[in-house]
N, C-alpha and C. Protein backbone atom coordinates (compact mmCIF):
# COMPACT_ATOMS: atom_id res chain seq x y z
N UNK A 1 15.62 -49.80 4.46
CA UNK A 1 14.68 -48.91 3.80
C UNK A 1 15.35 -48.25 2.61
N UNK A 2 14.61 -48.09 1.52
CA UNK A 2 15.16 -47.46 0.34
C UNK A 2 15.52 -46.00 0.61
N UNK A 3 16.64 -45.56 0.00
CA UNK A 3 17.06 -44.17 0.16
C UNK A 3 16.59 -43.32 -1.01
N UNK A 4 15.79 -43.90 -1.88
CA UNK A 4 15.30 -43.16 -3.04
C UNK A 4 14.38 -42.03 -2.65
N UNK A 5 14.17 -41.12 -3.58
CA UNK A 5 13.35 -39.95 -3.30
C UNK A 5 12.62 -39.54 -4.56
N UNK A 6 11.40 -39.03 -4.40
CA UNK A 6 10.61 -38.53 -5.53
C UNK A 6 10.50 -37.02 -5.41
N UNK A 7 10.80 -36.34 -6.50
CA UNK A 7 10.79 -34.88 -6.50
C UNK A 7 9.80 -34.35 -7.52
N UNK A 8 9.14 -33.26 -7.17
CA UNK A 8 8.25 -32.54 -8.08
C UNK A 8 8.84 -31.15 -8.28
N UNK A 9 9.18 -30.82 -9.53
CA UNK A 9 9.87 -29.57 -9.84
C UNK A 9 9.13 -28.87 -10.98
N UNK A 10 8.94 -27.57 -10.88
CA UNK A 10 8.31 -26.80 -11.95
C UNK A 10 9.34 -25.88 -12.61
N UNK A 11 9.07 -25.58 -13.88
CA UNK A 11 9.92 -24.68 -14.67
C UNK A 11 9.01 -23.75 -15.47
N UNK A 12 9.45 -22.52 -15.67
CA UNK A 12 8.80 -21.70 -16.69
C UNK A 12 9.02 -22.41 -18.02
N UNK A 13 7.99 -22.57 -18.80
CA UNK A 13 8.02 -23.38 -20.02
C UNK A 13 9.35 -23.26 -20.77
N UNK A 14 10.27 -24.24 -20.60
CA UNK A 14 11.60 -24.13 -21.20
C UNK A 14 11.56 -24.32 -22.72
N UNK A 15 12.23 -23.41 -23.43
CA UNK A 15 12.19 -23.43 -24.89
C UNK A 15 12.76 -24.72 -25.46
N UNK A 16 13.72 -25.35 -24.74
CA UNK A 16 14.38 -26.53 -25.30
C UNK A 16 13.63 -27.83 -25.09
N UNK A 17 12.55 -27.83 -24.32
CA UNK A 17 11.81 -29.07 -24.06
C UNK A 17 10.75 -29.27 -25.14
N UNK A 18 10.80 -30.36 -25.90
CA UNK A 18 9.83 -30.56 -26.97
C UNK A 18 8.40 -30.74 -26.48
N UNK A 19 8.22 -31.31 -25.29
CA UNK A 19 6.87 -31.47 -24.74
C UNK A 19 6.29 -30.12 -24.36
N UNK A 20 7.10 -29.30 -23.67
CA UNK A 20 6.65 -27.95 -23.32
C UNK A 20 6.40 -27.14 -24.58
N UNK A 21 7.26 -27.30 -25.58
CA UNK A 21 7.08 -26.58 -26.84
C UNK A 21 5.82 -26.98 -27.56
N UNK A 22 5.51 -28.28 -27.55
CA UNK A 22 4.27 -28.76 -28.17
C UNK A 22 3.06 -28.13 -27.50
N UNK A 23 3.06 -28.12 -26.16
CA UNK A 23 1.95 -27.53 -25.42
C UNK A 23 1.83 -26.04 -25.71
N UNK A 24 2.97 -25.36 -25.79
CA UNK A 24 2.97 -23.92 -26.02
C UNK A 24 2.42 -23.56 -27.40
N UNK A 25 2.80 -24.32 -28.43
CA UNK A 25 2.40 -23.97 -29.80
C UNK A 25 1.00 -24.47 -30.16
N UNK A 26 0.55 -25.56 -29.50
CA UNK A 26 -0.75 -26.11 -29.85
C UNK A 26 -1.86 -25.69 -28.91
N UNK A 27 -1.50 -25.19 -27.71
CA UNK A 27 -2.50 -24.82 -26.73
C UNK A 27 -3.04 -25.99 -25.94
N UNK A 28 -2.52 -27.20 -26.16
CA UNK A 28 -3.02 -28.40 -25.48
C UNK A 28 -2.26 -28.62 -24.18
N UNK A 29 -2.98 -29.06 -23.14
CA UNK A 29 -2.34 -29.47 -21.90
C UNK A 29 -1.87 -30.91 -22.08
N UNK A 30 -0.60 -31.16 -21.81
CA UNK A 30 -0.03 -32.49 -21.99
C UNK A 30 0.27 -33.09 -20.63
N UNK A 31 -0.42 -34.18 -20.29
CA UNK A 31 -0.12 -34.86 -19.03
C UNK A 31 -0.29 -36.36 -19.10
N UNK A 32 -0.65 -36.90 -20.27
CA UNK A 32 -0.76 -38.34 -20.44
C UNK A 32 0.50 -38.82 -21.14
N UNK A 33 1.50 -39.24 -20.34
CA UNK A 33 2.85 -39.42 -20.88
C UNK A 33 3.49 -40.69 -20.34
N UNK A 34 4.24 -41.37 -21.22
CA UNK A 34 5.13 -42.45 -20.80
C UNK A 34 6.54 -42.06 -21.20
N UNK A 35 7.51 -42.46 -20.41
CA UNK A 35 8.88 -42.00 -20.60
C UNK A 35 9.85 -43.16 -20.49
N UNK A 36 10.92 -43.11 -21.25
CA UNK A 36 12.00 -44.07 -21.09
C UNK A 36 13.32 -43.33 -21.06
N UNK A 37 14.24 -43.79 -20.22
CA UNK A 37 15.58 -43.23 -20.15
C UNK A 37 16.54 -44.26 -20.71
N UNK A 38 17.22 -43.93 -21.78
CA UNK A 38 18.11 -44.88 -22.44
C UNK A 38 19.41 -45.00 -21.67
N UNK A 39 20.17 -46.12 -21.86
CA UNK A 39 21.45 -46.27 -21.18
C UNK A 39 22.43 -45.15 -21.51
N UNK A 40 22.28 -44.56 -22.68
CA UNK A 40 23.18 -43.47 -23.08
C UNK A 40 22.82 -42.15 -22.42
N UNK A 41 21.73 -42.14 -21.67
CA UNK A 41 21.35 -40.93 -20.95
C UNK A 41 20.29 -40.11 -21.65
N UNK A 42 19.87 -40.51 -22.84
CA UNK A 42 18.82 -39.78 -23.54
C UNK A 42 17.45 -40.11 -22.99
N UNK A 43 16.50 -39.22 -23.23
CA UNK A 43 15.13 -39.43 -22.77
C UNK A 43 14.17 -39.40 -23.94
N UNK A 44 13.37 -40.45 -24.09
CA UNK A 44 12.37 -40.54 -25.14
C UNK A 44 11.00 -40.52 -24.49
N UNK A 45 10.10 -39.72 -25.04
CA UNK A 45 8.77 -39.54 -24.45
C UNK A 45 7.69 -39.79 -25.48
N UNK A 46 6.64 -40.48 -25.05
CA UNK A 46 5.42 -40.60 -25.83
C UNK A 46 4.29 -39.97 -25.03
N UNK A 47 3.44 -39.19 -25.71
CA UNK A 47 2.33 -38.56 -25.00
C UNK A 47 1.07 -38.59 -25.85
N UNK A 48 -0.06 -38.58 -25.16
CA UNK A 48 -1.37 -38.72 -25.79
C UNK A 48 -2.12 -37.40 -25.69
N UNK A 49 -2.65 -36.92 -26.81
CA UNK A 49 -3.39 -35.66 -26.84
C UNK A 49 -4.63 -35.84 -27.71
N UNK A 50 -5.76 -35.35 -27.21
CA UNK A 50 -6.99 -35.37 -27.99
C UNK A 50 -6.91 -34.29 -29.06
N UNK A 51 -7.17 -34.66 -30.29
CA UNK A 51 -7.05 -33.72 -31.41
C UNK A 51 -7.95 -32.50 -31.22
N UNK A 52 -9.06 -32.66 -30.51
CA UNK A 52 -9.98 -31.54 -30.30
C UNK A 52 -9.38 -30.46 -29.41
N UNK A 53 -8.31 -30.79 -28.67
CA UNK A 53 -7.70 -29.82 -27.77
C UNK A 53 -6.69 -28.93 -28.47
N UNK A 54 -6.31 -29.28 -29.70
CA UNK A 54 -5.28 -28.53 -30.40
C UNK A 54 -5.87 -27.24 -30.98
N UNK A 55 -5.30 -26.12 -30.58
CA UNK A 55 -5.74 -24.83 -31.12
C UNK A 55 -4.68 -24.20 -32.02
N UNK A 56 -3.52 -24.87 -32.13
CA UNK A 56 -2.45 -24.40 -33.01
C UNK A 56 -1.83 -25.58 -33.73
N UNK A 57 -0.90 -25.29 -34.61
CA UNK A 57 -0.27 -26.34 -35.42
C UNK A 57 0.79 -27.06 -34.62
N UNK A 58 0.79 -28.40 -34.70
CA UNK A 58 1.80 -29.21 -34.02
C UNK A 58 3.01 -29.38 -34.93
N UNK A 59 4.20 -29.38 -34.33
CA UNK A 59 5.42 -29.60 -35.11
C UNK A 59 5.86 -31.05 -35.08
N UNK A 60 5.00 -31.93 -34.55
CA UNK A 60 5.26 -33.36 -34.54
C UNK A 60 4.13 -34.08 -35.26
N UNK A 61 4.46 -35.21 -35.87
CA UNK A 61 3.45 -36.05 -36.50
C UNK A 61 3.09 -37.18 -35.55
N UNK A 62 1.81 -37.50 -35.39
CA UNK A 62 1.43 -38.61 -34.50
C UNK A 62 1.93 -39.94 -35.06
N UNK A 63 2.24 -40.85 -34.13
CA UNK A 63 2.71 -42.17 -34.54
C UNK A 63 1.61 -43.22 -34.40
N UNK A 64 0.53 -42.87 -33.71
CA UNK A 64 -0.58 -43.82 -33.52
C UNK A 64 -1.81 -43.03 -33.11
N UNK A 65 -2.98 -43.60 -33.33
CA UNK A 65 -4.23 -42.93 -32.98
C UNK A 65 -5.16 -43.87 -32.24
N UNK A 66 -5.82 -43.33 -31.21
CA UNK A 66 -6.90 -44.02 -30.50
C UNK A 66 -8.16 -43.17 -30.70
N UNK A 67 -8.89 -43.42 -31.76
CA UNK A 67 -10.07 -42.61 -32.04
C UNK A 67 -9.64 -41.18 -32.33
N UNK A 68 -10.11 -40.24 -31.48
CA UNK A 68 -9.77 -38.83 -31.69
C UNK A 68 -8.46 -38.44 -31.01
N UNK A 69 -7.88 -39.36 -30.21
CA UNK A 69 -6.63 -39.07 -29.50
C UNK A 69 -5.44 -39.62 -30.29
N UNK A 70 -4.39 -38.82 -30.37
CA UNK A 70 -3.18 -39.20 -31.09
C UNK A 70 -2.01 -39.37 -30.14
N UNK A 71 -1.13 -40.32 -30.47
CA UNK A 71 0.10 -40.55 -29.72
C UNK A 71 1.26 -39.90 -30.47
N UNK A 72 2.03 -39.10 -29.75
CA UNK A 72 3.22 -38.45 -30.33
C UNK A 72 4.46 -38.98 -29.62
N UNK A 73 5.57 -39.00 -30.33
CA UNK A 73 6.84 -39.44 -29.75
C UNK A 73 7.91 -38.40 -30.03
N UNK A 74 8.73 -38.11 -29.02
CA UNK A 74 9.81 -37.14 -29.20
C UNK A 74 11.00 -37.52 -28.34
N UNK A 75 12.17 -37.07 -28.75
CA UNK A 75 13.39 -37.30 -27.98
C UNK A 75 13.88 -35.97 -27.41
N UNK A 76 14.31 -36.02 -26.17
CA UNK A 76 14.79 -34.81 -25.50
C UNK A 76 16.31 -34.73 -25.64
N UNK A 77 16.78 -33.67 -26.24
CA UNK A 77 18.22 -33.47 -26.41
C UNK A 77 18.54 -32.01 -26.11
N UNK A 78 19.80 -31.76 -25.80
CA UNK A 78 20.25 -30.38 -25.65
C UNK A 78 19.67 -29.67 -24.45
N UNK A 79 19.17 -28.45 -24.68
CA UNK A 79 18.75 -27.54 -23.62
C UNK A 79 17.35 -27.89 -23.14
N UNK A 80 17.25 -29.01 -22.42
CA UNK A 80 15.95 -29.51 -21.95
C UNK A 80 16.14 -30.13 -20.57
N UNK A 81 15.30 -29.76 -19.59
CA UNK A 81 15.46 -30.35 -18.25
C UNK A 81 15.26 -31.86 -18.23
N UNK A 82 14.45 -32.37 -19.17
CA UNK A 82 14.21 -33.81 -19.24
C UNK A 82 15.48 -34.54 -19.67
N UNK A 83 16.20 -33.97 -20.65
CA UNK A 83 17.46 -34.54 -21.09
C UNK A 83 18.49 -34.47 -19.97
N UNK A 84 18.47 -33.37 -19.22
CA UNK A 84 19.39 -33.21 -18.09
C UNK A 84 19.17 -34.30 -17.06
N UNK A 85 17.91 -34.58 -16.73
CA UNK A 85 17.61 -35.62 -15.75
C UNK A 85 17.97 -36.99 -16.28
N UNK A 86 17.81 -37.20 -17.60
CA UNK A 86 18.22 -38.46 -18.20
C UNK A 86 19.70 -38.72 -17.99
N UNK A 87 20.50 -37.65 -17.99
CA UNK A 87 21.93 -37.78 -17.77
C UNK A 87 22.26 -38.24 -16.36
N UNK A 88 21.33 -38.06 -15.40
CA UNK A 88 21.52 -38.51 -14.03
C UNK A 88 20.77 -39.82 -13.76
N UNK A 89 20.27 -40.46 -14.83
CA UNK A 89 19.50 -41.70 -14.70
C UNK A 89 18.30 -41.52 -13.77
N UNK A 90 17.64 -40.39 -13.90
CA UNK A 90 16.44 -40.10 -13.10
C UNK A 90 15.21 -40.21 -13.99
N UNK A 91 14.52 -41.35 -14.00
CA UNK A 91 13.33 -41.50 -14.84
C UNK A 91 12.25 -40.50 -14.44
N UNK A 92 11.58 -39.95 -15.43
CA UNK A 92 10.50 -39.00 -15.17
C UNK A 92 9.19 -39.76 -15.01
N UNK A 93 8.58 -39.60 -13.87
CA UNK A 93 7.35 -40.33 -13.55
C UNK A 93 6.12 -39.66 -14.15
N UNK A 94 6.10 -38.33 -14.17
CA UNK A 94 4.94 -37.63 -14.71
C UNK A 94 5.34 -36.25 -15.22
N UNK A 95 4.72 -35.87 -16.34
CA UNK A 95 4.84 -34.53 -16.91
C UNK A 95 3.50 -33.81 -16.77
N UNK A 96 3.57 -32.51 -16.68
CA UNK A 96 2.40 -31.67 -16.88
C UNK A 96 2.87 -30.41 -17.57
N UNK A 97 2.50 -30.25 -18.83
CA UNK A 97 2.86 -29.06 -19.61
C UNK A 97 1.58 -28.35 -19.99
N UNK A 98 1.47 -27.07 -19.58
CA UNK A 98 0.24 -26.33 -19.87
C UNK A 98 0.51 -25.07 -20.69
N UNK A 99 1.63 -25.05 -21.41
CA UNK A 99 1.94 -23.91 -22.25
C UNK A 99 2.83 -22.89 -21.56
N UNK A 100 2.52 -22.56 -20.31
CA UNK A 100 3.29 -21.56 -19.57
C UNK A 100 4.23 -22.17 -18.55
N UNK A 101 3.95 -23.40 -18.14
CA UNK A 101 4.75 -24.02 -17.09
C UNK A 101 4.91 -25.51 -17.37
N UNK A 102 6.06 -26.05 -17.02
CA UNK A 102 6.34 -27.47 -17.13
C UNK A 102 6.57 -28.02 -15.73
N UNK A 103 5.85 -29.07 -15.36
CA UNK A 103 6.04 -29.73 -14.08
C UNK A 103 6.56 -31.13 -14.33
N UNK A 104 7.64 -31.51 -13.66
CA UNK A 104 8.22 -32.84 -13.78
C UNK A 104 8.21 -33.52 -12.42
N UNK A 105 7.75 -34.76 -12.40
CA UNK A 105 7.86 -35.60 -11.21
C UNK A 105 8.81 -36.73 -11.57
N UNK A 106 9.90 -36.85 -10.82
CA UNK A 106 10.90 -37.84 -11.18
C UNK A 106 11.46 -38.52 -9.92
N UNK A 107 12.16 -39.63 -10.15
CA UNK A 107 12.74 -40.41 -9.06
C UNK A 107 14.25 -40.39 -9.13
N UNK A 108 14.88 -40.22 -7.99
CA UNK A 108 16.33 -40.33 -7.87
C UNK A 108 16.63 -41.47 -6.90
N UNK A 109 17.57 -42.33 -7.26
CA UNK A 109 17.87 -43.50 -6.43
C UNK A 109 18.50 -43.11 -5.10
N UNK A 110 19.28 -42.04 -5.09
CA UNK A 110 19.97 -41.60 -3.88
C UNK A 110 19.78 -40.09 -3.71
N UNK A 111 19.81 -39.64 -2.46
CA UNK A 111 19.65 -38.22 -2.21
C UNK A 111 20.80 -37.42 -2.82
N UNK A 112 22.00 -38.01 -2.82
CA UNK A 112 23.15 -37.32 -3.41
C UNK A 112 22.92 -37.09 -4.90
N UNK A 113 22.29 -38.09 -5.57
CA UNK A 113 21.98 -37.94 -6.99
C UNK A 113 21.00 -36.79 -7.21
N UNK A 114 20.00 -36.71 -6.33
CA UNK A 114 19.03 -35.63 -6.42
C UNK A 114 19.71 -34.28 -6.24
N UNK A 115 20.62 -34.17 -5.28
CA UNK A 115 21.33 -32.92 -5.05
C UNK A 115 22.12 -32.49 -6.29
N UNK A 116 22.83 -33.46 -6.88
CA UNK A 116 23.63 -33.15 -8.07
C UNK A 116 22.72 -32.73 -9.23
N UNK A 117 21.62 -33.47 -9.41
CA UNK A 117 20.70 -33.17 -10.51
C UNK A 117 20.08 -31.78 -10.33
N UNK A 118 19.65 -31.46 -9.10
CA UNK A 118 19.02 -30.16 -8.86
C UNK A 118 20.03 -29.01 -9.02
N UNK A 119 21.28 -29.24 -8.62
CA UNK A 119 22.29 -28.21 -8.80
C UNK A 119 22.48 -27.89 -10.27
N UNK A 120 22.49 -28.93 -11.10
CA UNK A 120 22.65 -28.72 -12.54
C UNK A 120 21.41 -28.07 -13.13
N UNK A 121 20.22 -28.52 -12.70
CA UNK A 121 18.97 -27.95 -13.21
C UNK A 121 18.89 -26.46 -12.88
N UNK A 122 19.24 -26.09 -11.66
CA UNK A 122 19.15 -24.68 -11.27
C UNK A 122 20.16 -23.82 -12.03
N UNK A 123 21.31 -24.42 -12.34
CA UNK A 123 22.31 -23.68 -13.09
C UNK A 123 21.86 -23.44 -14.53
N UNK A 124 21.26 -24.48 -15.13
CA UNK A 124 20.86 -24.39 -16.53
C UNK A 124 19.47 -23.79 -16.71
N UNK A 125 18.61 -23.95 -15.69
CA UNK A 125 17.22 -23.46 -15.76
C UNK A 125 16.91 -22.72 -14.47
N UNK A 126 17.22 -21.43 -14.40
CA UNK A 126 17.05 -20.65 -13.17
C UNK A 126 15.64 -20.66 -12.61
N UNK A 127 14.63 -20.94 -13.44
CA UNK A 127 13.24 -20.92 -12.95
C UNK A 127 12.88 -22.21 -12.20
N UNK A 128 13.79 -23.20 -12.15
CA UNK A 128 13.49 -24.47 -11.48
C UNK A 128 13.06 -24.23 -10.04
N UNK A 129 11.91 -24.79 -9.67
CA UNK A 129 11.35 -24.56 -8.33
C UNK A 129 10.86 -25.90 -7.77
N UNK A 130 11.46 -26.36 -6.68
CA UNK A 130 11.07 -27.63 -6.07
C UNK A 130 9.73 -27.45 -5.35
N UNK A 131 8.75 -28.23 -5.73
CA UNK A 131 7.42 -28.16 -5.14
C UNK A 131 7.22 -29.18 -4.03
N UNK A 132 7.86 -30.36 -4.20
CA UNK A 132 7.62 -31.44 -3.23
C UNK A 132 8.75 -32.46 -3.30
N UNK A 133 9.14 -32.98 -2.14
CA UNK A 133 10.09 -34.08 -2.03
C UNK A 133 9.46 -35.15 -1.16
N UNK A 134 9.48 -36.40 -1.62
CA UNK A 134 8.89 -37.50 -0.86
C UNK A 134 9.87 -38.65 -0.79
N UNK A 135 9.96 -39.27 0.40
CA UNK A 135 10.77 -40.46 0.57
C UNK A 135 9.89 -41.59 1.08
N UNK A 136 10.18 -42.84 0.67
CA UNK A 136 9.40 -43.97 1.17
C UNK A 136 9.70 -44.22 2.64
N UNK A 137 8.79 -44.93 3.35
CA UNK A 137 7.58 -45.54 2.79
C UNK A 137 6.44 -44.53 2.69
N UNK A 138 5.67 -44.60 1.60
CA UNK A 138 4.48 -43.79 1.43
C UNK A 138 3.26 -44.65 1.71
N UNK A 139 2.25 -44.08 2.34
CA UNK A 139 1.05 -44.84 2.65
C UNK A 139 0.22 -45.05 1.40
N UNK A 140 -0.54 -46.15 1.40
CA UNK A 140 -1.41 -46.44 0.27
C UNK A 140 -0.67 -47.14 -0.86
N UNK A 141 -1.43 -47.69 -1.80
CA UNK A 141 -0.85 -48.38 -2.95
C UNK A 141 -0.35 -47.36 -3.96
N UNK A 142 0.39 -47.85 -4.96
CA UNK A 142 0.88 -46.96 -6.01
C UNK A 142 -0.29 -46.26 -6.71
N UNK A 143 -1.40 -47.00 -6.90
CA UNK A 143 -2.56 -46.42 -7.59
C UNK A 143 -3.23 -45.35 -6.75
N UNK A 144 -3.03 -45.40 -5.43
CA UNK A 144 -3.66 -44.42 -4.54
C UNK A 144 -2.96 -43.07 -4.56
N UNK A 145 -1.72 -43.02 -5.04
CA UNK A 145 -0.93 -41.81 -4.96
C UNK A 145 -1.17 -40.94 -6.17
N UNK A 146 -1.42 -39.68 -5.92
CA UNK A 146 -1.74 -38.74 -7.00
C UNK A 146 -0.93 -37.47 -6.82
N UNK A 147 -0.52 -36.89 -7.94
CA UNK A 147 0.12 -35.59 -7.93
C UNK A 147 -0.98 -34.54 -8.04
N UNK A 148 -1.09 -33.68 -7.03
CA UNK A 148 -2.10 -32.63 -7.04
C UNK A 148 -1.42 -31.31 -7.38
N UNK A 149 -1.83 -30.72 -8.49
CA UNK A 149 -1.19 -29.51 -8.99
C UNK A 149 -1.97 -28.28 -8.55
N UNK A 150 -1.53 -27.65 -7.46
CA UNK A 150 -2.25 -26.46 -6.98
C UNK A 150 -2.01 -25.27 -7.90
N UNK A 151 -1.06 -25.39 -8.82
CA UNK A 151 -0.85 -24.34 -9.80
C UNK A 151 -2.03 -24.13 -10.73
N UNK A 152 -2.97 -25.07 -10.76
CA UNK A 152 -4.19 -24.92 -11.56
C UNK A 152 -5.08 -23.81 -11.01
N UNK A 153 -4.91 -23.48 -9.73
CA UNK A 153 -5.78 -22.50 -9.09
C UNK A 153 -5.36 -21.09 -9.46
N UNK A 154 -6.34 -20.21 -9.62
CA UNK A 154 -6.03 -18.79 -9.75
C UNK A 154 -5.58 -18.28 -8.38
N UNK A 155 -4.97 -17.10 -8.35
CA UNK A 155 -4.53 -16.54 -7.07
C UNK A 155 -5.70 -16.37 -6.12
N UNK A 156 -6.85 -15.95 -6.64
CA UNK A 156 -8.02 -15.73 -5.79
C UNK A 156 -8.58 -17.05 -5.27
N UNK A 157 -8.63 -18.08 -6.14
CA UNK A 157 -9.11 -19.39 -5.71
C UNK A 157 -8.22 -19.95 -4.61
N UNK A 158 -6.90 -19.79 -4.77
CA UNK A 158 -5.97 -20.29 -3.75
C UNK A 158 -6.18 -19.54 -2.43
N UNK A 159 -6.35 -18.23 -2.51
CA UNK A 159 -6.54 -17.43 -1.30
C UNK A 159 -7.81 -17.84 -0.56
N UNK A 160 -8.90 -18.05 -1.32
CA UNK A 160 -10.17 -18.44 -0.70
C UNK A 160 -10.04 -19.82 -0.06
N UNK A 161 -9.46 -20.77 -0.78
CA UNK A 161 -9.33 -22.13 -0.25
C UNK A 161 -8.41 -22.16 0.97
N UNK A 162 -7.30 -21.44 0.90
CA UNK A 162 -6.36 -21.40 2.02
C UNK A 162 -7.00 -20.77 3.25
N UNK A 163 -7.74 -19.67 3.05
CA UNK A 163 -8.40 -19.01 4.17
C UNK A 163 -9.45 -19.92 4.80
N UNK A 164 -10.23 -20.59 3.95
CA UNK A 164 -11.27 -21.50 4.47
C UNK A 164 -10.64 -22.63 5.28
N UNK A 165 -9.53 -23.16 4.79
CA UNK A 165 -8.87 -24.27 5.49
C UNK A 165 -8.30 -23.80 6.84
N UNK A 166 -7.60 -22.68 6.80
CA UNK A 166 -6.93 -22.21 8.02
C UNK A 166 -7.90 -21.72 9.08
N UNK A 167 -9.08 -21.25 8.65
CA UNK A 167 -10.07 -20.75 9.61
C UNK A 167 -11.03 -21.84 10.08
N UNK A 168 -10.80 -23.09 9.64
CA UNK A 168 -11.60 -24.20 10.13
C UNK A 168 -12.93 -24.40 9.44
N UNK A 169 -13.07 -23.89 8.21
CA UNK A 169 -14.34 -24.01 7.49
C UNK A 169 -14.69 -25.48 7.24
N UNK A 170 -13.67 -26.33 7.05
CA UNK A 170 -13.92 -27.73 6.71
C UNK A 170 -13.99 -28.63 7.94
N UNK A 171 -13.83 -28.06 9.12
CA UNK A 171 -13.90 -28.86 10.34
C UNK A 171 -15.35 -29.01 10.79
N UNK A 172 -15.55 -29.98 11.70
CA UNK A 172 -16.88 -30.18 12.29
C UNK A 172 -16.73 -30.20 13.80
N UNK A 173 -17.30 -29.23 14.54
CA UNK A 173 -18.08 -28.10 14.01
C UNK A 173 -17.19 -27.08 13.30
N UNK A 174 -17.78 -26.28 12.43
CA UNK A 174 -17.03 -25.31 11.65
C UNK A 174 -16.38 -24.27 12.54
N UNK A 175 -15.14 -23.92 12.17
CA UNK A 175 -14.48 -22.83 12.87
C UNK A 175 -14.93 -21.47 12.36
N UNK A 176 -15.46 -21.45 11.14
CA UNK A 176 -15.96 -20.20 10.54
C UNK A 176 -16.94 -20.59 9.44
N UNK A 177 -17.94 -19.73 9.20
CA UNK A 177 -18.89 -20.02 8.14
C UNK A 177 -18.60 -19.17 6.91
N UNK A 178 -19.33 -19.43 5.85
CA UNK A 178 -19.08 -18.75 4.57
C UNK A 178 -19.26 -17.25 4.67
N UNK A 179 -20.25 -16.82 5.44
CA UNK A 179 -20.50 -15.38 5.59
C UNK A 179 -19.32 -14.68 6.24
N UNK A 180 -18.79 -15.28 7.30
CA UNK A 180 -17.65 -14.70 8.01
C UNK A 180 -16.41 -14.65 7.14
N UNK A 181 -16.17 -15.73 6.39
CA UNK A 181 -14.97 -15.78 5.55
C UNK A 181 -15.08 -14.82 4.38
N UNK A 182 -16.27 -14.71 3.81
CA UNK A 182 -16.47 -13.77 2.71
C UNK A 182 -16.21 -12.33 3.18
N UNK A 183 -16.68 -12.03 4.38
CA UNK A 183 -16.46 -10.69 4.94
C UNK A 183 -14.98 -10.44 5.18
N UNK A 184 -14.28 -11.45 5.69
CA UNK A 184 -12.84 -11.31 5.94
C UNK A 184 -12.08 -11.06 4.63
N UNK A 185 -12.52 -11.72 3.55
CA UNK A 185 -11.85 -11.60 2.26
C UNK A 185 -12.33 -10.38 1.47
N UNK A 186 -13.38 -9.74 1.94
CA UNK A 186 -13.90 -8.56 1.26
C UNK A 186 -14.66 -8.87 -0.01
N UNK A 187 -15.33 -10.03 -0.04
CA UNK A 187 -16.11 -10.43 -1.21
C UNK A 187 -17.50 -10.87 -0.75
N UNK A 188 -18.41 -11.04 -1.71
CA UNK A 188 -19.75 -11.50 -1.36
C UNK A 188 -19.71 -13.00 -1.05
N UNK A 189 -20.74 -13.47 -0.34
CA UNK A 189 -20.80 -14.89 -0.01
C UNK A 189 -20.91 -15.74 -1.27
N UNK A 190 -21.65 -15.26 -2.26
CA UNK A 190 -21.80 -16.04 -3.49
C UNK A 190 -20.47 -16.14 -4.23
N UNK A 191 -19.69 -15.06 -4.22
CA UNK A 191 -18.37 -15.09 -4.86
C UNK A 191 -17.43 -16.02 -4.11
N UNK A 192 -17.50 -15.99 -2.78
CA UNK A 192 -16.70 -16.89 -1.96
C UNK A 192 -17.01 -18.34 -2.32
N UNK A 193 -18.29 -18.67 -2.38
CA UNK A 193 -18.71 -20.04 -2.70
C UNK A 193 -18.27 -20.43 -4.10
N UNK A 194 -18.39 -19.51 -5.05
CA UNK A 194 -17.99 -19.79 -6.43
C UNK A 194 -16.51 -20.13 -6.51
N UNK A 195 -15.67 -19.34 -5.86
CA UNK A 195 -14.22 -19.59 -5.88
C UNK A 195 -13.89 -20.90 -5.16
N UNK A 196 -14.55 -21.14 -4.04
CA UNK A 196 -14.26 -22.34 -3.25
C UNK A 196 -14.62 -23.61 -4.03
N UNK A 197 -15.78 -23.61 -4.67
CA UNK A 197 -16.21 -24.78 -5.44
C UNK A 197 -15.28 -25.00 -6.64
N UNK A 198 -14.90 -23.93 -7.32
CA UNK A 198 -14.01 -24.05 -8.48
C UNK A 198 -12.66 -24.62 -8.06
N UNK A 199 -12.13 -24.16 -6.94
CA UNK A 199 -10.84 -24.64 -6.45
C UNK A 199 -10.91 -26.12 -6.09
N UNK A 200 -11.96 -26.51 -5.38
CA UNK A 200 -12.10 -27.91 -5.00
C UNK A 200 -12.27 -28.81 -6.22
N UNK A 201 -13.02 -28.35 -7.21
CA UNK A 201 -13.23 -29.14 -8.42
C UNK A 201 -11.90 -29.40 -9.14
N UNK A 202 -11.06 -28.36 -9.23
CA UNK A 202 -9.77 -28.51 -9.92
C UNK A 202 -8.87 -29.50 -9.18
N UNK A 203 -8.78 -29.37 -7.86
CA UNK A 203 -7.89 -30.25 -7.10
C UNK A 203 -8.43 -31.68 -7.05
N UNK A 204 -9.73 -31.83 -6.92
CA UNK A 204 -10.31 -33.17 -6.90
C UNK A 204 -10.17 -33.87 -8.25
N UNK A 205 -10.08 -33.07 -9.34
CA UNK A 205 -9.83 -33.66 -10.65
C UNK A 205 -8.51 -34.41 -10.66
N UNK A 206 -7.49 -33.87 -9.95
CA UNK A 206 -6.20 -34.57 -9.83
C UNK A 206 -6.31 -35.78 -8.91
N UNK A 207 -7.04 -35.63 -7.78
CA UNK A 207 -7.18 -36.74 -6.84
C UNK A 207 -7.83 -37.94 -7.52
N UNK A 208 -8.85 -37.69 -8.35
CA UNK A 208 -9.54 -38.78 -9.02
C UNK A 208 -9.02 -39.04 -10.42
N UNK A 209 -7.88 -38.38 -10.76
CA UNK A 209 -7.19 -38.59 -12.04
C UNK A 209 -8.11 -38.29 -13.21
N UNK A 210 -8.88 -37.20 -13.11
CA UNK A 210 -9.79 -36.81 -14.18
C UNK A 210 -9.17 -35.76 -15.09
N UNK A 211 -7.86 -35.49 -14.93
CA UNK A 211 -7.23 -34.45 -15.73
C UNK A 211 -7.60 -33.09 -15.23
């Protein structure tokens, strides 16, 4: 069995990461990304952004266009977690940069490599926070696997969804109904439903890869 491992790590938007910087200055969420790790340890990234999402000036010029969407290319050097991972030969599987936070999903061939990489990341980027670690075998095909970012939820949406789940709202028969849960949370039933639907919509967007 393979000893490889997949890690999901978040950072407060690091100033040295060009992808995080692009998201921060333009206001665009960046998550359509391809990455390469060079033999020298450098990391080169291409990402796709719809021009309509830009609310600020970009410091990169697009290298290609698909209709209204532009492809940008950047190299990670210096004070950047992506460059750090490139030094450990850990390819980045997925980025999510939303201006305030950077999420990286990457693969390490050995657990020892992951330990060394995380030790360096925590030393250089104190905000590094491990969200998930996965080892094979994983069920389902590669296309079936999705990264679900619960950070999209507001604190209230997370509280409502967590309470509904833990109290058996989604079970059959229900362990609790909307009226009971709304009362427990100290909100109206309509507000409870509004938060619950919004939370499910955000998470299901990741499950179905709708951004």
